[in-house]
PDB file of all heavy atoms in Angstrom:
ATOM      1  N   LEU A   1       0.827  -1.221   0.000  1.00  0.00           N
ATOM      2  CA  LEU A   1       0.000   0.000   0.000  1.00  0.00           C
ATOM      3  C   LEU A   1       0.860   1.271   0.000  1.00  0.00           C
ATOM      4  O   LEU A   1       0.376   2.356   0.320  1.00  0.00           O
ATOM      5  CB  LEU A   1      -0.929   0.017   1.227  1.00  0.00           C
ATOM      6  CG  LEU A   1      -1.915  -1.152   1.375  1.00  0.00           C
ATOM      7  CD1 LEU A   1      -2.776  -0.960   2.614  1.00  0.00           C
ATOM      8  CD2 LEU A   1      -2.796  -1.285   0.136  1.00  0.00           C
ATOM      9  N   GLU A   2       2.145   1.136  -0.373  1.00  0.00           N
ATOM     10  CA  GLU A   2       3.072   2.274  -0.310  1.00  0.00           C
ATOM     11  C   GLU A   2       2.594   3.461  -1.141  1.00  0.00           C
ATOM     12  O   GLU A   2       2.904   4.618  -0.810  1.00  0.00           O
ATOM     13  CB  GLU A   2       4.460   1.844  -0.788  1.00  0.00           C
ATOM     14  CG  GLU A   2       5.162   0.855   0.139  1.00  0.00           C
ATOM     15  CD  GLU A   2       4.821  -0.601  -0.160  1.00  0.00           C
ATOM     16  OE1 GLU A   2       3.875  -0.860  -0.945  1.00  0.00           O
ATOM     17  OE2 GLU A   2       5.493  -1.487   0.389  1.00  0.00           O
ATOM     18  N   ASN A   3       1.866   3.205  -2.192  1.00  0.00           N
ATOM     19  CA  ASN A   3       1.379   4.289  -3.065  1.00  0.00           C
ATOM     20  C   ASN A   3      -0.149   4.380  -3.062  1.00  0.00           C
ATOM     21  O   ASN A   3      -0.760   4.862  -4.018  1.00  0.00           O
ATOM     22  CB  ASN A   3       1.887   4.065  -4.491  1.00  0.00           C
ATOM     23  CG  ASN A   3       3.402   4.080  -4.559  1.00  0.00           C
ATOM     24  OD1 ASN A   3       4.045   5.056  -4.179  1.00  0.00           O
ATOM     25  ND2 ASN A   3       3.982   2.980  -5.043  1.00  0.00           N
ATOM     26  N   ALA A   4      -0.728   3.924  -1.974  1.00  0.00           N
ATOM     27  CA  ALA A   4      -2.190   3.834  -1.899  1.00  0.00           C
ATOM     28  C   ALA A   4      -2.854   5.197  -2.050  1.00  0.00           C
ATOM     29  O   ALA A   4      -2.406   6.200  -1.491  1.00  0.00           O
ATOM     30  CB  ALA A   4      -2.596   3.209  -0.567  1.00  0.00           C
ATOM     31  N   LYS A   5      -3.931   5.206  -2.838  1.00  0.00           N
ATOM     32  CA  LYS A   5      -4.781   6.396  -2.964  1.00  0.00           C
ATOM     33  C   LYS A   5      -6.114   6.089  -2.295  1.00  0.00           C
ATOM     34  O   LYS A   5      -6.800   5.127  -2.653  1.00  0.00           O
ATOM     35  CB  LYS A   5      -4.997   6.741  -4.436  1.00  0.00           C
ATOM     36  CG  LYS A   5      -3.735   7.223  -5.131  1.00  0.00           C
ATOM     37  CD  LYS A   5      -4.012   7.587  -6.587  1.00  0.00           C
ATOM     38  CE  LYS A   5      -2.738   8.095  -7.271  1.00  0.00           C
ATOM     39  NZ  LYS A   5      -2.994   8.409  -8.710  1.00  0.00           N
ATOM     40  N   ILE A   6      -6.450   6.921  -1.303  1.00  0.00           N
ATOM     41  CA  ILE A   6      -7.677   6.696  -0.544  1.00  0.00           C
ATOM     42  C   ILE A   6      -8.877   7.261  -1.304  1.00  0.00           C
ATOM     43  O   ILE A   6      -8.897   8.440  -1.661  1.00  0.00           O
ATOM     44  CB  ILE A   6      -7.574   7.331   0.866  1.00  0.00           C
ATOM     45  CG1 ILE A   6      -6.479   6.631   1.680  1.00  0.00           C
ATOM     46  CG2 ILE A   6      -8.912   7.240   1.588  1.00  0.00           C
ATOM     47  CD1 ILE A   6      -6.244   7.224   3.051  1.00  0.00           C
ATOM     48  N   VAL A   7      -9.856   6.403  -1.551  1.00  0.00           N
ATOM     49  CA  VAL A   7     -11.092   6.826  -2.209  1.00  0.00           C
ATOM     50  C   VAL A   7     -12.081   7.351  -1.173  1.00  0.00           C
ATOM     51  O   VAL A   7     -12.730   8.370  -1.373  1.00  0.00           O
ATOM     52  CB  VAL A   7     -11.728   5.643  -2.993  1.00  0.00           C
ATOM     53  CG1 VAL A   7     -13.035   6.075  -3.662  1.00  0.00           C
ATOM     54  CG2 VAL A   7     -10.751   5.100  -4.025  1.00  0.00           C
ATOM     55  N   ARG A   8     -12.192   6.637  -0.049  1.00  0.00           N
ATOM     56  CA  ARG A   8     -13.060   7.059   1.062  1.00  0.00           C
ATOM     57  C   ARG A   8     -12.258   6.940   2.344  1.00  0.00           C
ATOM     58  O   ARG A   8     -11.628   5.900   2.599  1.00  0.00           O
ATOM     59  CB  ARG A   8     -14.315   6.187   1.170  1.00  0.00           C
ATOM     60  CG  ARG A   8     -15.129   6.075  -0.099  1.00  0.00           C
ATOM     61  CD  ARG A   8     -16.408   5.280   0.160  1.00  0.00           C
ATOM     62  NE  ARG A   8     -16.975   4.793  -1.092  1.00  0.00           N
ATOM     63  CZ  ARG A   8     -18.275   4.733  -1.351  1.00  0.00           C
ATOM     64  NH1 ARG A   8     -19.137   5.119  -0.438  1.00  0.00           N
ATOM     65  NH2 ARG A   8     -18.713   4.280  -2.508  1.00  0.00           N
ATOM     66  N   ASN A   9     -12.287   7.971   3.149  1.00  0.00           N
ATOM     67  CA  ASN A   9     -11.569   7.944   4.419  1.00  0.00           C
ATOM     68  C   ASN A   9     -12.225   6.967   5.393  1.00  0.00           C
ATOM     69  O   ASN A   9     -13.436   6.742   5.359  1.00  0.00           O
ATOM     70  CB  ASN A   9     -11.562   9.328   5.071  1.00  0.00           C
ATOM     71  CG  ASN A   9     -10.671  10.300   4.339  1.00  0.00           C
ATOM     72  OD1 ASN A   9      -9.615   9.921   3.822  1.00  0.00           O
ATOM     73  ND2 ASN A   9     -11.070  11.562   4.286  1.00  0.00           N
ATOM     74  N   ALA A  10     -11.405   6.398   6.271  1.00  0.00           N
ATOM     75  CA  ALA A  10     -11.927   5.636   7.397  1.00  0.00           C
ATOM     76  C   ALA A  10     -12.629   6.605   8.352  1.00  0.00           C
ATOM     77  O   ALA A  10     -12.266   7.778   8.431  1.00  0.00           O
ATOM     78  CB  ALA A  10     -10.786   4.925   8.116  1.00  0.00           C
ATOM     79  N   TYR A  11     -13.624   6.110   9.072  1.00  0.00           N
ATOM     80  CA  TYR A  11     -14.299   6.975  10.051  1.00  0.00           C
ATOM     81  C   TYR A  11     -14.965   6.126  11.127  1.00  0.00           C
ATOM     82  O   TYR A  11     -15.223   4.933  10.941  1.00  0.00           O
ATOM     83  CB  TYR A  11     -15.348   7.865   9.366  1.00  0.00           C
ATOM     84  CG  TYR A  11     -16.478   7.127   8.677  1.00  0.00           C
ATOM     85  CD1 TYR A  11     -17.622   6.733   9.380  1.00  0.00           C
ATOM     86  CD2 TYR A  11     -16.408   6.810   7.313  1.00  0.00           C
ATOM     87  CE1 TYR A  11     -18.652   6.063   8.754  1.00  0.00           C
ATOM     88  CE2 TYR A  11     -17.440   6.126   6.678  1.00  0.00           C
ATOM     89  CZ  TYR A  11     -18.570   5.759   7.410  1.00  0.00           C
ATOM     90  OH  TYR A  11     -19.592   5.086   6.782  1.00  0.00           O
ATOM     91  N   ALA A  12     -15.227   6.756  12.250  1.00  0.00           N
ATOM     92  CA  ALA A  12     -16.056   6.151  13.294  1.00  0.00           C
ATOM     93  C   ALA A  12     -17.446   6.750  13.179  1.00  0.00           C
ATOM     94  O   ALA A  12     -17.601   7.873  12.691  1.00  0.00           O
ATOM     95  CB  ALA A  12     -15.471   6.441  14.670  1.00  0.00           C
ATOM     96  N   ILE A  13     -18.455   6.016  13.604  1.00  0.00           N
ATOM     97  CA  ILE A  13     -19.819   6.541  13.588  1.00  0.00           C
ATOM     98  C   ILE A  13     -20.480   6.275  14.937  1.00  0.00           C
ATOM     99  O   ILE A  13     -20.458   5.154  15.443  1.00  0.00           O
ATOM    100  CB  ILE A  13     -20.648   5.958  12.422  1.00  0.00           C
ATOM    101  CG1 ILE A  13     -22.061   6.544  12.411  1.00  0.00           C
ATOM    102  CG2 ILE A  13     -20.677   4.437  12.450  1.00  0.00           C
ATOM    103  CD1 ILE A  13     -22.853   6.232  11.160  1.00  0.00           C
ATOM    104  N   GLU A  14     -21.020   7.338  15.525  1.00  0.00           N
ATOM    105  CA  GLU A  14     -21.796   7.244  16.758  1.00  0.00           C
ATOM    106  C   GLU A  14     -23.274   7.264  16.408  1.00  0.00           C
ATOM    107  O   GLU A  14     -23.682   7.943  15.463  1.00  0.00           O
ATOM    108  CB  GLU A  14     -21.507   8.438  17.668  1.00  0.00           C
ATOM    109  CG  GLU A  14     -20.220   8.377  18.440  1.00  0.00           C
ATOM    110  CD  GLU A  14     -20.149   9.502  19.459  1.00  0.00           C
ATOM    111  OE1 GLU A  14     -20.582  10.627  19.162  1.00  0.00           O
ATOM    112  OE2 GLU A  14     -19.669   9.239  20.570  1.00  0.00           O
ATOM    113  N   TYR A  15     -24.078   6.569  17.188  1.00  0.00           N
ATOM    114  CA  TYR A  15     -25.512   6.520  16.901  1.00  0.00           C
ATOM    115  C   TYR A  15     -26.278   6.128  18.163  1.00  0.00           C
ATOM    116  O   TYR A  15     -25.718   5.571  19.104  1.00  0.00           O
ATOM    117  CB  TYR A  15     -25.799   5.498  15.788  1.00  0.00           C
ATOM    118  CG  TYR A  15     -25.280   4.105  16.102  1.00  0.00           C
ATOM    119  CD1 TYR A  15     -26.101   3.136  16.664  1.00  0.00           C
ATOM    120  CD2 TYR A  15     -23.945   3.770  15.851  1.00  0.00           C
ATOM    121  CE1 TYR A  15     -25.619   1.878  16.975  1.00  0.00           C
ATOM    122  CE2 TYR A  15     -23.452   2.515  16.153  1.00  0.00           C
ATOM    123  CZ  TYR A  15     -24.305   1.565  16.716  1.00  0.00           C
ATOM    124  OH  TYR A  15     -23.811   0.321  17.027  1.00  0.00           O
ATOM    125  N   ASP A  16     -27.570   6.428  18.147  1.00  0.00           N
ATOM    126  CA  ASP A  16     -28.448   6.070  19.257  1.00  0.00           C
ATOM    127  C   ASP A  16     -29.014   4.668  19.037  1.00  0.00           C
ATOM    128  O   ASP A  16     -29.339   4.277  17.912  1.00  0.00           O
ATOM    129  CB  ASP A  16     -29.618   7.050  19.375  1.00  0.00           C
ATOM    130  CG  ASP A  16     -29.180   8.444  19.803  1.00  0.00           C
ATOM    131  OD1 ASP A  16     -28.054   8.575  20.316  1.00  0.00           O
ATOM    132  OD2 ASP A  16     -29.971   9.396  19.626  1.00  0.00           O
ATOM    133  N   CYS A  17     -29.133   3.917  20.121  1.00  0.00           N
ATOM    134  CA  CYS A  17     -29.791   2.612  20.087  1.00  0.00           C
ATOM    135  C   CYS A  17     -30.472   2.409  21.435  1.00  0.00           C
ATOM    136  O   CYS A  17     -30.453   3.302  22.288  1.00  0.00           O
ATOM    137  CB  CYS A  17     -28.777   1.500  19.806  1.00  0.00           C
ATOM    138  SG  CYS A  17     -27.438   1.402  21.018  1.00  0.00           S
ATOM    139  N   ILE A  18     -31.091   1.276  21.642  1.00  0.00           N
ATOM    140  CA  ILE A  18     -31.825   1.057  22.886  1.00  0.00           C
ATOM    141  C   ILE A  18     -31.099   0.101  23.821  1.00  0.00           C
ATOM    142  O   ILE A  18     -30.207  -0.645  23.398  1.00  0.00           O
ATOM    143  CB  ILE A  18     -33.234   0.496  22.617  1.00  0.00           C
ATOM    144  CG1 ILE A  18     -33.140  -0.882  21.938  1.00  0.00           C
ATOM    145  CG2 ILE A  18     -34.077   1.460  21.807  1.00  0.00           C
ATOM    146  CD1 ILE A  18     -34.407  -1.710  22.029  1.00  0.00           C
ATOM    147  N   ASN A  19     -31.513   0.117  25.064  1.00  0.00           N
ATOM    148  CA  ASN A  19     -31.168  -0.950  25.996  1.00  0.00           C
ATOM    149  C   ASN A  19     -32.113  -2.109  25.680  1.00  0.00           C
ATOM    150  O   ASN A  19     -33.320  -2.016  25.910  1.00  0.00           O
ATOM    151  CB  ASN A  19     -31.382  -0.471  27.432  1.00  0.00           C
ATOM    152  CG  ASN A  19     -31.151  -1.577  28.449  1.00  0.00           C
ATOM    153  OD1 ASN A  19     -30.896  -2.726  28.081  1.00  0.00           O
ATOM    154  ND2 ASN A  19     -31.255  -1.250  29.719  1.00  0.00           N
ATOM    155  N   PRO A  20     -31.601  -3.221  25.131  1.00  0.00           N
ATOM    156  CA  PRO A  20     -32.485  -4.309  24.687  1.00  0.00           C
ATOM    157  C   PRO A  20     -33.171  -5.062  25.814  1.00  0.00           C
ATOM    158  O   PRO A  20     -34.043  -5.902  25.548  1.00  0.00           O
ATOM    159  CB  PRO A  20     -31.550  -5.219  23.884  1.00  0.00           C
ATOM    160  CG  PRO A  20     -30.193  -4.948  24.442  1.00  0.00           C
ATOM    161  CD  PRO A  20     -30.186  -3.500  24.836  1.00  0.00           C
ATOM    162  N   ASN A  21     -32.787  -4.795  27.064  1.00  0.00           N
ATOM    163  CA  ASN A  21     -33.493  -5.413  28.190  1.00  0.00           C
ATOM    164  C   ASN A  21     -34.947  -4.964  28.272  1.00  0.00           C
ATOM    165  O   ASN A  21     -35.739  -5.519  29.036  1.00  0.00           O
ATOM    166  CB  ASN A  21     -32.798  -5.081  29.517  1.00  0.00           C
ATOM    167  CG  ASN A  21     -31.465  -5.784  29.697  1.00  0.00           C
ATOM    168  OD1 ASN A  21     -30.721  -5.459  30.594  1.00  0.00           O
ATOM    169  ND2 ASN A  21     -31.150  -6.745  28.841  1.00  0.00           N
ATOM    170  N   GLN A  22     -35.307  -3.963  27.459  1.00  0.00           N
ATOM    171  CA  GLN A  22     -36.686  -3.469  27.433  1.00  0.00           C
ATOM    172  C   GLN A  22     -37.579  -4.291  26.509  1.00  0.00           C
ATOM    173  O   GLN A  22     -38.755  -3.990  26.340  1.00  0.00           O
ATOM    174  CB  GLN A  22     -36.710  -2.014  26.954  1.00  0.00           C
ATOM    175  CG  GLN A  22     -35.910  -1.073  27.835  1.00  0.00           C
ATOM    176  CD  GLN A  22     -35.700   0.277  27.165  1.00  0.00           C
ATOM    177  OE1 GLN A  22     -36.426   1.228  27.428  1.00  0.00           O
ATOM    178  NE2 GLN A  22     -34.722   0.360  26.302  1.00  0.00           N
ATOM    179  N   LEU A  23     -37.014  -5.346  25.917  1.00  0.00           N
ATOM    180  CA  LEU A  23     -37.743  -6.153  24.941  1.00  0.00           C
ATOM    181  C   LEU A  23     -38.144  -7.506  25.520  1.00  0.00           C
ATOM    182  O   LEU A  23     -37.442  -8.077  26.366  1.00  0.00           O
ATOM    183  CB  LEU A  23     -36.875  -6.404  23.701  1.00  0.00           C
ATOM    184  CG  LEU A  23     -36.406  -5.181  22.921  1.00  0.00           C
ATOM    185  CD1 LEU A  23     -35.405  -5.606  21.858  1.00  0.00           C
ATOM    186  CD2 LEU A  23     -37.584  -4.447  22.291  1.00  0.00           C
ATOM    187  N   LYS A  24     -39.253  -8.025  25.014  1.00  0.00           N
ATOM    188  CA  LYS A  24     -39.618  -9.415  25.263  1.00  0.00           C
ATOM    189  C   LYS A  24     -38.780 -10.298  24.335  1.00  0.00           C
ATOM    190  O   LYS A  24     -38.138  -9.803  23.401  1.00  0.00           O
ATOM    191  CB  LYS A  24     -41.101  -9.637  24.950  1.00  0.00           C
ATOM    192  CG  LYS A  24     -42.070  -8.772  25.724  1.00  0.00           C
ATOM    193  CD  LYS A  24     -43.490  -9.024  25.241  1.00  0.00           C
ATOM    194  CE  LYS A  24     -44.487  -8.078  25.884  1.00  0.00           C
ATOM    195  NZ  LYS A  24     -45.869  -8.272  25.353  1.00  0.00           N
ATOM    196  N   ALA A  25     -38.834 -11.597  24.556  1.00  0.00           N
ATOM    197  CA  ALA A  25     -38.114 -12.516  23.668  1.00  0.00           C
ATOM    198  C   ALA A  25     -38.679 -12.488  22.252  1.00  0.00           C
ATOM    199  O   ALA A  25     -38.018 -12.906  21.302  1.00  0.00           O
ATOM    200  CB  ALA A  25     -38.161 -13.936  24.228  1.00  0.00           C
ATOM    201  N   SER A  26     -39.901 -11.988  22.095  1.00  0.00           N
ATOM    202  CA  SER A  26     -40.514 -11.846  20.769  1.00  0.00           C
ATOM    203  C   SER A  26     -40.025 -10.604  20.048  1.00  0.00           C
ATOM    204  O   SER A  26     -40.390 -10.364  18.898  1.00  0.00           O
ATOM    205  CB  SER A  26     -42.035 -11.773  20.911  1.00  0.00           C
ATOM    206  OG  SER A  26     -42.404 -10.606  21.645  1.00  0.00           O
ATOM    207  N   LEU A  27     -39.196  -9.781  20.718  1.00  0.00           N
ATOM    208  CA  LEU A  27     -38.672  -8.501  20.245  1.00  0.00           C
ATOM    209  C   LEU A  27     -39.739  -7.400  20.211  1.00  0.00           C
ATOM    210  O   LEU A  27     -39.586  -6.394  19.529  1.00  0.00           O
ATOM    211  CB  LEU A  27     -37.975  -8.637  18.872  1.00  0.00           C
ATOM    212  CG  LEU A  27     -36.740  -9.538  18.874  1.00  0.00           C
ATOM    213  CD1 LEU A  27     -36.092  -9.583  17.490  1.00  0.00           C
ATOM    214  CD2 LEU A  27     -35.722  -9.073  19.923  1.00  0.00           C
ATOM    215  N   GLU A  28     -40.796  -7.593  20.996  1.00  0.00           N
ATOM    216  CA  GLU A  28     -41.771  -6.532  21.229  1.00  0.00           C
ATOM    217  C   GLU A  28     -41.397  -5.820  22.519  1.00  0.00           C
ATOM    218  O   GLU A  28     -40.953  -6.443  23.487  1.00  0.00           O
ATOM    219  CB  GLU A  28     -43.185  -7.115  21.354  1.00  0.00           C
ATOM    220  CG  GLU A  28     -44.259  -6.047  21.522  1.00  0.00           C
ATOM    221  CD  GLU A  28     -45.659  -6.628  21.647  1.00  0.00           C
ATOM    222  OE1 GLU A  28     -45.778  -7.855  21.892  1.00  0.00           O
ATOM    223  OE2 GLU A  28     -46.645  -5.878  21.502  1.00  0.00           O
ATOM    224  N   PHE A  29     -41.583  -4.504  22.544  1.00  0.00           N
ATOM    225  CA  PHE A  29     -41.272  -3.738  23.745  1.00  0.00           C
ATOM    226  C   PHE A  29     -42.217  -4.122  24.886  1.00  0.00           C
ATOM    227  O   PHE A  29     -43.415  -4.361  24.667  1.00  0.00           O
ATOM    228  CB  PHE A  29     -41.380  -2.242  23.473  1.00  0.00           C
ATOM    229  CG  PHE A  29     -40.158  -1.647  22.839  1.00  0.00           C
ATOM    230  CD1 PHE A  29     -39.980  -1.715  21.473  1.00  0.00           C
ATOM    231  CD2 PHE A  29     -39.172  -1.036  23.605  1.00  0.00           C
ATOM    232  CE1 PHE A  29     -38.848  -1.184  20.869  1.00  0.00           C
ATOM    233  CE2 PHE A  29     -38.035  -0.497  23.023  1.00  0.00           C
ATOM    234  CZ  PHE A  29     -37.870  -0.568  21.649  1.00  0.00           C
ATOM    235  N   LEU A  30     -41.673  -4.164  26.085  1.00  0.00           N
ATOM    236  CA  LEU A  30     -42.482  -4.467  27.258  1.00  0.00           C
ATOM    237  C   LEU A  30     -43.501  -3.360  27.533  1.00  0.00           C
ATOM    238  O   LEU A  30     -44.635  -3.624  27.919  1.00  0.00           O
ATOM    239  CB  LEU A  30     -41.576  -4.641  28.484  1.00  0.00           C
ATOM    240  CG  LEU A  30     -40.691  -5.895  28.516  1.00  0.00           C
ATOM    241  CD1 LEU A  30     -39.549  -5.721  29.503  1.00  0.00           C
ATOM    242  CD2 LEU A  30     -41.520  -7.122  28.881  1.00  0.00           C
ATOM    243  N   LYS A  31     -43.086  -2.116  27.295  1.00  0.00           N
ATOM    244  CA  LYS A  31     -43.908  -0.968  27.695  1.00  0.00           C
ATOM    245  C   LYS A  31     -44.867  -0.480  26.625  1.00  0.00           C
ATOM    246  O   LYS A  31     -45.830   0.216  26.939  1.00  0.00           O
ATOM    247  CB  LYS A  31     -43.001   0.206  28.101  1.00  0.00           C
ATOM    248  CG  LYS A  31     -42.206  -0.011  29.380  1.00  0.00           C
ATOM    249  CD  LYS A  31     -41.385   1.228  29.697  1.00  0.00           C
ATOM    250  CE  LYS A  31     -40.606   1.072  30.988  1.00  0.00           C
ATOM    251  NZ  LYS A  31     -39.783   2.275  31.280  1.00  0.00           N
ATOM    252  N   VAL A  32     -44.593  -0.780  25.359  1.00  0.00           N
ATOM    253  CA  VAL A  32     -45.417  -0.237  24.266  1.00  0.00           C
ATOM    254  C   VAL A  32     -45.983  -1.387  23.437  1.00  0.00           C
ATOM    255  O   VAL A  32     -45.252  -2.070  22.723  1.00  0.00           O
ATOM    256  CB  VAL A  32     -44.596   0.719  23.370  1.00  0.00           C
ATOM    257  CG1 VAL A  32     -45.516   1.370  22.328  1.00  0.00           C
ATOM    258  CG2 VAL A  32     -43.898   1.793  24.194  1.00  0.00           C
ATOM    259  N   ASP A  33     -47.265  -1.580  23.535  1.00  0.00           N
ATOM    260  CA  ASP A  33     -47.938  -2.665  22.823  1.00  0.00           C
ATOM    261  C   ASP A  33     -47.874  -2.435  21.317  1.00  0.00           C
ATOM    262  O   ASP A  33     -48.241  -1.371  20.823  1.00  0.00           O
ATOM    263  CB  ASP A  33     -49.402  -2.719  23.284  1.00  0.00           C
ATOM    264  CG  ASP A  33     -50.131  -3.924  22.725  1.00  0.00           C
ATOM    265  OD1 ASP A  33     -49.503  -4.988  22.599  1.00  0.00           O
ATOM    266  OD2 ASP A  33     -51.327  -3.797  22.399  1.00  0.00           O
ATOM    267  N   GLY A  34     -47.397  -3.461  20.603  1.00  0.00           N
ATOM    268  CA  GLY A  34     -47.343  -3.366  19.144  1.00  0.00           C
ATOM    269  C   GLY A  34     -46.079  -2.740  18.593  1.00  0.00           C
ATOM    270  O   GLY A  34     -45.943  -2.605  17.375  1.00  0.00           O
ATOM    271  N   LEU A  35     -45.133  -2.393  19.461  1.00  0.00           N
ATOM    272  CA  LEU A  35     -43.866  -1.810  19.011  1.00  0.00           C
ATOM    273  C   LEU A  35     -42.774  -2.876  19.102  1.00  0.00           C
ATOM    274  O   LEU A  35     -42.483  -3.395  20.177  1.00  0.00           O
ATOM    275  CB  LEU A  35     -43.487  -0.600  19.859  1.00  0.00           C
ATOM    276  CG  LEU A  35     -42.209   0.148  19.443  1.00  0.00           C
ATOM    277  CD1 LEU A  35     -42.347   0.716  18.037  1.00  0.00           C
ATOM    278  CD2 LEU A  35     -41.892   1.268  20.440  1.00  0.00           C
ATOM    279  N   PHE A  36     -42.188  -3.211  17.954  1.00  0.00           N
ATOM    280  CA  PHE A  36     -41.124  -4.213  17.856  1.00  0.00           C
ATOM    281  C   PHE A  36     -39.839  -3.535  17.370  1.00  0.00           C
ATOM    282  O   PHE A  36     -39.878  -2.418  16.846  1.00  0.00           O
ATOM    283  CB  PHE A  36     -41.513  -5.317  16.865  1.00  0.00           C
ATOM    284  CG  PHE A  36     -42.688  -6.146  17.276  1.00  0.00           C
ATOM    285  CD1 PHE A  36     -43.987  -5.664  17.137  1.00  0.00           C
ATOM    286  CD2 PHE A  36     -42.502  -7.414  17.797  1.00  0.00           C
ATOM    287  CE1 PHE A  36     -45.088  -6.439  17.510  1.00  0.00           C
ATOM    288  CE2 PHE A  36     -43.596  -8.203  18.165  1.00  0.00           C
ATOM    289  CZ  PHE A  36     -44.887  -7.708  18.024  1.00  0.00           C
ATOM    290  N   SER A  37     -38.716  -4.228  17.510  1.00  0.00           N
ATOM    291  CA  SER A  37     -37.474  -3.668  16.968  1.00  0.00           C
ATOM    292  C   SER A  37     -36.482  -4.775  16.642  1.00  0.00           C
ATOM    293  O   SER A  37     -36.569  -5.885  17.169  1.00  0.00           O
ATOM    294  CB  SER A  37     -36.846  -2.668  17.949  1.00  0.00           C
ATOM    295  OG  SER A  37     -36.429  -3.320  19.129  1.00  0.00           O
ATOM    296  N   GLY A  38     -35.537  -4.445  15.760  1.00  0.00           N
ATOM    297  CA  GLY A  38     -34.533  -5.423  15.372  1.00  0.00           C
ATOM    298  C   GLY A  38     -33.283  -4.759  14.841  1.00  0.00           C
ATOM    299  O   GLY A  38     -33.313  -3.610  14.396  1.00  0.00           O
ATOM    300  N   GLY A  39     -32.160  -5.466  14.886  1.00  0.00           N
ATOM    301  CA  GLY A  39     -30.919  -4.985  14.290  1.00  0.00           C
ATOM    302  C   GLY A  39     -30.059  -4.166  15.221  1.00  0.00           C
ATOM    303  O   GLY A  39     -30.145  -4.275  16.444  1.00  0.00           O
ATOM    304  N   GLN A  40     -29.212  -3.313  14.637  1.00  0.00           N
ATOM    305  CA  GLN A  40     -28.267  -2.534  15.439  1.00  0.00           C
ATOM    306  C   GLN A  40     -28.970  -1.577  16.392  1.00  0.00           C
ATOM    307  O   GLN A  40     -28.403  -1.176  17.403  1.00  0.00           O
ATOM    308  CB  GLN A  40     -27.291  -1.788  14.525  1.00  0.00           C
ATOM    309  CG  GLN A  40     -26.279  -2.742  13.892  1.00  0.00           C
ATOM    310  CD  GLN A  40     -25.159  -2.034  13.156  1.00  0.00           C
ATOM    311  OE1 GLN A  40     -25.167  -1.959  11.942  1.00  0.00           O
ATOM    312  NE2 GLN A  40     -24.189  -1.529  13.878  1.00  0.00           N
ATOM    313  N   PHE A  41     -30.200  -1.242  16.099  1.00  0.00           N
ATOM    314  CA  PHE A  41     -31.011  -0.443  17.019  1.00  0.00           C
ATOM    315  C   PHE A  41     -31.178  -1.161  18.357  1.00  0.00           C
ATOM    316  O   PHE A  41     -31.369  -0.531  19.394  1.00  0.00           O
ATOM    317  CB  PHE A  41     -32.379  -0.175  16.382  1.00  0.00           C
ATOM    318  CG  PHE A  41     -33.327   0.607  17.245  1.00  0.00           C
ATOM    319  CD1 PHE A  41     -33.122   1.960  17.492  1.00  0.00           C
ATOM    320  CD2 PHE A  41     -34.434  -0.002  17.812  1.00  0.00           C
ATOM    321  CE1 PHE A  41     -33.996   2.689  18.294  1.00  0.00           C
ATOM    322  CE2 PHE A  41     -35.321   0.718  18.602  1.00  0.00           C
ATOM    323  CZ  PHE A  41     -35.098   2.066  18.844  1.00  0.00           C
TER     324      PHE A  41
END
């Protein structure tokens, strides 16, 4: 990589997500009926 040309810089990304302890095993929220979630959220 001695002559490497960077097309896109490396970066870190911060984001909001939830405490998953608020979910049932079905991935529905304990507190909000009908609200589900999945993934990095």
